[in-house]
Amino acid sequence: MTRWTLVSQMQDPAQSQLGADALNQLCQLYWQPVYIYIRSWNKSPADAEDLTQGFFSMILSRQSLDLVAPERGKLRTFLLVAVKRFLSNAHHHDSAQKRGGGQVPVSIDAEWTTGHSRKIDPAGGDSPDVLFDRQWALTALQRTLSQLQNNYEADGKGGIFQALKFTISPSGARRPLSEVAAELGITEGAAKVASHRLRQRYRTILHEVIAETVDSDGNVEDEIRYLMSVFSNT
């Protein structure tokens, strides 16, 4: 059962706490996409941070998901619909809700959110919806790469990850594998095998990251294809 499936079952008392915990974790993945969406509506970084925190506090404090029931198949769609409604009713959310005041706070380190959000600038003429999906794609891929790096380092293979991570992206900077193999002290054939395994593990982790945000395995590949199409347009 994925985290998003647990969230969709929050109305069941037996699953309520599990769903709330799952939603809290998922919100961390979507903090930046929601922030960039709000920021794109001519909000200052500070105001966008406050509104983003207020939005997730509202989501986490809800006992029912009826507001967005038709969109609950994918977390990405659910949150985009929800944040649009949140902003359209922003006059109901006064300063008491800033930074989650009076609500359930999102368990994301305040220093982390400030440091990352200030680096996000919705420059250009893209629509808020496009910016949301683009930041979602970037965040998902960054999380996947970070988990992959952690896995390799835990296995004592951090050097291999650093040397071969450029092979994950087909559009990334290229280096001759023979050169990388020499640096690692292995044969070029071994470097090719290591690169193949790295890409396989990356794909597996990406599948796991996306699977947590949809309600069925059948939606995972579609969501990954959409992610890649969005990322290729960044």
Protein backbone atom coordinates (compact mmCIF):
# COMPACT_ATOMS: atom_id res chain seq x y z
CA MET A 1 0.00 0.00 0.00
CA THR A 2 1.49 3.36 -1.01
CA ARG A 3 1.54 6.46 1.15
CA TRP A 4 -0.99 8.13 -1.14
CA THR A 5 -3.33 5.16 -0.81
CA LEU A 6 -3.13 5.53 2.95
CA VAL A 7 -3.96 9.22 2.60
CA SER A 8 -7.05 8.42 0.54
CA GLN A 9 -8.24 6.17 3.38
CA MET A 10 -7.87 8.78 6.12
CA GLN A 11 -11.63 8.79 6.71
CA ASP A 12 -11.33 5.22 7.98
CA PRO A 13 -10.57 5.52 11.72
CA ALA A 14 -8.28 2.51 11.50
CA GLN A 15 -6.16 4.22 8.86
CA SER A 16 -6.51 7.84 9.97
CA GLN A 17 -3.21 8.20 11.84
CA LEU A 18 -1.28 6.20 9.25
CA GLY A 19 -2.76 8.40 6.54
CA ALA A 20 -1.87 11.57 8.41
CA ASP A 21 1.72 10.40 8.86
CA ALA A 22 1.94 9.45 5.19
CA LEU A 23 0.55 12.81 4.07
CA ASN A 24 3.06 14.63 6.25
CA GLN A 25 5.92 12.80 4.54
CA LEU A 26 4.49 13.36 1.07
CA CYS A 27 4.03 17.06 1.72
CA GLN A 28 7.78 17.37 2.15
CA LEU A 29 8.26 16.19 -1.44
CA TYR A 30 5.80 18.77 -2.72
CA TRP A 31 6.80 21.79 -0.64
CA GLN A 32 8.91 23.32 -3.41
CA PRO A 33 6.37 22.81 -6.25
CA VAL A 34 3.64 24.43 -4.15
CA TYR A 35 5.99 27.24 -3.14
CA ILE A 36 6.96 28.00 -6.74
CA TYR A 37 3.29 27.96 -7.77
CA ILE A 38 2.36 30.49 -5.09
CA ARG A 39 5.49 32.55 -5.75
CA SER A 40 4.54 32.83 -9.42
CA TRP A 41 1.43 34.79 -8.41
CA ASN A 42 3.63 37.82 -7.70
CA LYS A 43 4.15 36.88 -4.08
CA SER A 44 7.35 37.85 -2.29
CA PRO A 45 9.58 34.99 -1.10
CA ALA A 46 8.56 35.61 2.52
CA ASP A 47 4.83 35.75 1.72
CA ALA A 48 5.11 32.66 -0.48
CA GLU A 49 6.82 30.76 2.33
CA ASP A 50 4.08 31.75 4.76
CA LEU A 51 1.31 30.80 2.35
CA THR A 52 2.97 27.51 1.49
CA GLN A 53 3.29 26.59 5.16
CA GLY A 54 -0.30 27.67 5.73
CA PHE A 55 -1.47 25.57 2.80
CA PHE A 56 0.18 22.40 4.06
CA SER A 57 -1.00 23.08 7.59
CA MET A 58 -4.53 23.26 6.21
CA ILE A 59 -4.08 20.02 4.28
CA LEU A 60 -2.62 18.19 7.25
CA SER A 61 -5.34 19.35 9.62
CA ARG A 62 -8.22 18.19 7.41
CA GLN A 63 -10.13 15.13 8.56
CA SER A 64 -11.69 14.61 5.14
CA LEU A 65 -10.43 14.69 1.56
CA ASP A 66 -13.89 15.16 0.09
CA LEU A 67 -12.87 18.59 -1.21
CA VAL A 68 -10.72 17.00 -3.89
CA ALA A 69 -12.06 13.44 -4.05
CA PRO A 70 -12.17 13.29 -7.90
CA GLU A 71 -8.47 14.17 -8.09
CA ARG A 72 -7.12 11.85 -5.43
CA GLY A 73 -5.72 9.34 -7.93
CA LYS A 74 -2.48 11.33 -8.17
CA LEU A 75 -1.02 13.45 -5.43
CA ARG A 76 0.35 15.93 -7.98
CA THR A 77 -3.13 16.65 -9.34
CA PHE A 78 -4.68 16.69 -5.89
CA LEU A 79 -2.25 19.29 -4.55
CA LEU A 80 -2.45 21.52 -7.63
CA VAL A 81 -6.25 21.63 -7.42
CA ALA A 82 -6.08 22.17 -3.66
CA VAL A 83 -3.57 25.03 -3.81
CA LYS A 84 -5.64 26.80 -6.46
CA ARG A 85 -8.65 26.64 -4.16
CA PHE A 86 -6.52 27.71 -1.23
CA LEU A 87 -5.33 30.84 -3.03
CA SER A 88 -8.80 31.67 -4.33
CA ASN A 89 -9.95 31.76 -0.72
CA ALA A 90 -6.81 33.42 0.63
CA HIS A 91 -8.84 36.16 2.31
CA HIS A 92 -10.00 33.51 4.78
CA HIS A 93 -6.41 32.77 5.78
CA ASP A 94 -5.16 35.68 7.89
CA SER A 95 -1.87 36.10 9.65
CA ALA A 96 -2.89 33.61 12.38
CA GLN A 97 -2.25 30.85 9.86
CA LYS A 98 1.18 32.06 8.85
CA ARG A 99 3.91 29.57 9.66
CA GLY A 100 1.13 27.15 10.59
CA GLY A 101 -0.15 29.18 13.54
CA GLY A 102 -3.17 27.46 15.08
CA GLN A 103 -2.80 24.56 12.64
CA VAL A 104 -0.84 21.34 12.40
CA PRO A 105 2.70 22.34 11.33
CA VAL A 106 4.46 20.65 8.45
CA SER A 107 7.46 18.85 9.91
CA ILE A 108 10.00 20.42 7.58
CA ASP A 109 12.93 22.25 9.07
CA ALA A 110 12.31 25.99 8.83
CA GLU A 111 15.92 26.72 7.94
CA TRP A 112 15.75 24.15 5.15
CA THR A 113 12.60 25.61 3.61
CA THR A 114 13.93 29.15 3.75
CA GLY A 115 17.31 28.22 2.33
CA HIS A 116 15.84 26.24 -0.56
CA SER A 117 12.89 28.46 -1.40
CA ARG A 118 15.04 31.57 -1.72
CA LYS A 119 16.94 29.78 -4.48
CA ILE A 120 13.74 29.23 -6.47
CA ASP A 121 12.85 32.10 -8.77
CA PRO A 122 9.85 31.77 -11.13
CA ALA A 123 11.51 33.76 -13.88
CA GLY A 124 10.19 33.75 -17.44
CA GLY A 125 6.70 33.75 -18.85
CA ASP A 126 5.61 30.23 -17.99
CA SER A 127 2.22 29.73 -16.37
CA PRO A 128 1.95 28.82 -12.68
CA ASP A 129 0.72 25.32 -13.66
CA VAL A 130 3.80 24.74 -15.82
CA LEU A 131 6.09 26.00 -13.06
CA PHE A 132 4.40 23.68 -10.55
CA ASP A 133 4.89 20.60 -12.72
CA ARG A 134 8.46 21.58 -13.59
CA GLN A 135 9.45 21.99 -9.96
CA TRP A 136 7.67 18.73 -9.14
CA ALA A 137 9.75 16.95 -11.78
CA LEU A 138 12.99 18.50 -10.58
CA THR A 139 12.25 17.72 -6.94
CA ALA A 140 11.36 14.09 -7.68
CA LEU A 141 14.52 13.58 -9.70
CA GLN A 142 16.66 15.29 -7.06
CA ARG A 143 15.18 13.10 -4.34
CA THR A 144 15.83 10.01 -6.45
CA LEU A 145 19.45 10.99 -7.04
CA SER A 146 19.94 11.77 -3.36
CA GLN A 147 18.56 8.38 -2.29
CA LEU A 148 20.74 6.66 -4.87
CA GLN A 149 23.82 8.46 -3.56
CA ASN A 150 22.96 7.52 0.02
CA ASN A 151 22.57 3.87 -1.01
CA TYR A 152 25.94 3.81 -2.76
CA GLU A 153 27.69 5.52 0.12
CA ALA A 154 26.11 3.09 2.59
CA ASP A 155 27.56 0.26 0.48
CA GLY A 156 30.99 1.89 0.48
CA LYS A 157 30.70 2.77 -3.21
CA GLY A 158 30.45 6.54 -3.00
CA GLY A 159 33.41 6.94 -5.33
CA ILE A 160 31.75 4.87 -8.03
CA PHE A 161 28.58 6.95 -7.72
CA GLN A 162 30.47 10.24 -8.04
CA ALA A 163 32.51 8.99 -11.00
CA LEU A 164 29.61 7.53 -12.95
CA LYS A 165 26.57 9.63 -12.03
CA PHE A 166 26.98 11.59 -15.27
CA THR A 167 25.89 8.44 -17.15
CA ILE A 168 22.41 8.61 -15.61
CA SER A 169 21.27 11.56 -17.71
CA PRO A 170 21.48 11.12 -21.49
CA SER A 171 21.75 14.90 -21.85
CA GLY A 172 24.46 15.31 -19.21
CA ALA A 173 28.13 16.05 -19.74
CA ARG A 174 29.90 13.08 -21.25
CA ARG A 175 33.27 11.57 -20.43
CA PRO A 176 35.02 8.58 -21.98
CA LEU A 177 34.40 5.53 -19.80
CA SER A 178 37.99 4.52 -20.36
CA GLU A 179 39.04 7.71 -18.58
CA VAL A 180 36.64 7.06 -15.69
CA ALA A 181 37.78 3.43 -15.45
CA ALA A 182 41.41 4.55 -15.16
CA GLU A 183 40.49 6.88 -12.31
CA LEU A 184 38.63 4.09 -10.51
CA GLY A 185 41.38 1.57 -11.14
CA ILE A 186 39.08 -0.84 -13.00
CA THR A 187 38.73 -2.03 -16.57
CA GLU A 188 36.56 -0.22 -19.08
CA GLY A 189 34.30 -3.28 -19.21
CA ALA A 190 33.83 -3.15 -15.45
CA ALA A 191 33.04 0.55 -15.71
CA LYS A 192 30.34 -0.21 -18.29
CA VAL A 193 28.80 -2.82 -15.99
CA ALA A 194 28.92 -0.42 -13.03
CA SER A 195 27.29 2.31 -15.11
CA HIS A 196 24.51 -0.05 -16.18
CA ARG A 197 23.85 -1.08 -12.58
CA LEU A 198 23.83 2.56 -11.49
CA ARG A 199 21.18 3.43 -14.05
CA GLN A 200 19.11 0.38 -13.10
CA ARG A 201 19.16 1.33 -9.41
CA TYR A 202 18.28 4.91 -10.31
CA ARG A 203 15.26 3.72 -12.27
CA THR A 204 14.18 1.47 -9.40
CA ILE A 205 14.36 4.28 -6.86
CA LEU A 206 12.54 6.69 -9.19
CA HIS A 207 9.77 4.11 -9.55
CA GLU A 208 9.55 3.86 -5.75
CA VAL A 209 9.46 7.65 -5.30
CA ILE A 210 6.66 8.08 -7.84
CA ALA A 211 4.76 5.01 -6.61
CA GLU A 212 4.31 6.72 -3.25
CA THR A 213 2.38 9.54 -4.92
CA VAL A 214 -0.21 7.58 -6.92
CA ASP A 215 -3.01 5.24 -5.89
CA SER A 216 -2.08 2.23 -8.00
CA ASP A 217 0.92 0.63 -9.69
CA GLY A 218 -0.79 1.13 -13.04
CA ASN A 219 -0.32 4.89 -12.74
CA VAL A 220 3.40 4.81 -11.98
CA GLU A 221 4.76 4.44 -15.51
CA ASP A 222 2.35 7.06 -16.86
CA GLU A 223 3.47 9.47 -14.16
CA ILE A 224 7.14 8.76 -14.86
CA ARG A 225 6.62 9.38 -18.57
CA TYR A 226 4.91 12.66 -17.75
CA LEU A 227 7.74 13.59 -15.39
CA MET A 228 10.31 12.96 -18.10
CA SER A 229 8.36 14.99 -20.64
CA VAL A 230 8.19 17.90 -18.19
CA PHE A 231 11.88 17.60 -17.29
CA SER A 232 12.93 17.51 -20.94
CA ASN A 233 11.28 20.90 -21.40
CA THR A 234 13.13 22.56 -18.52
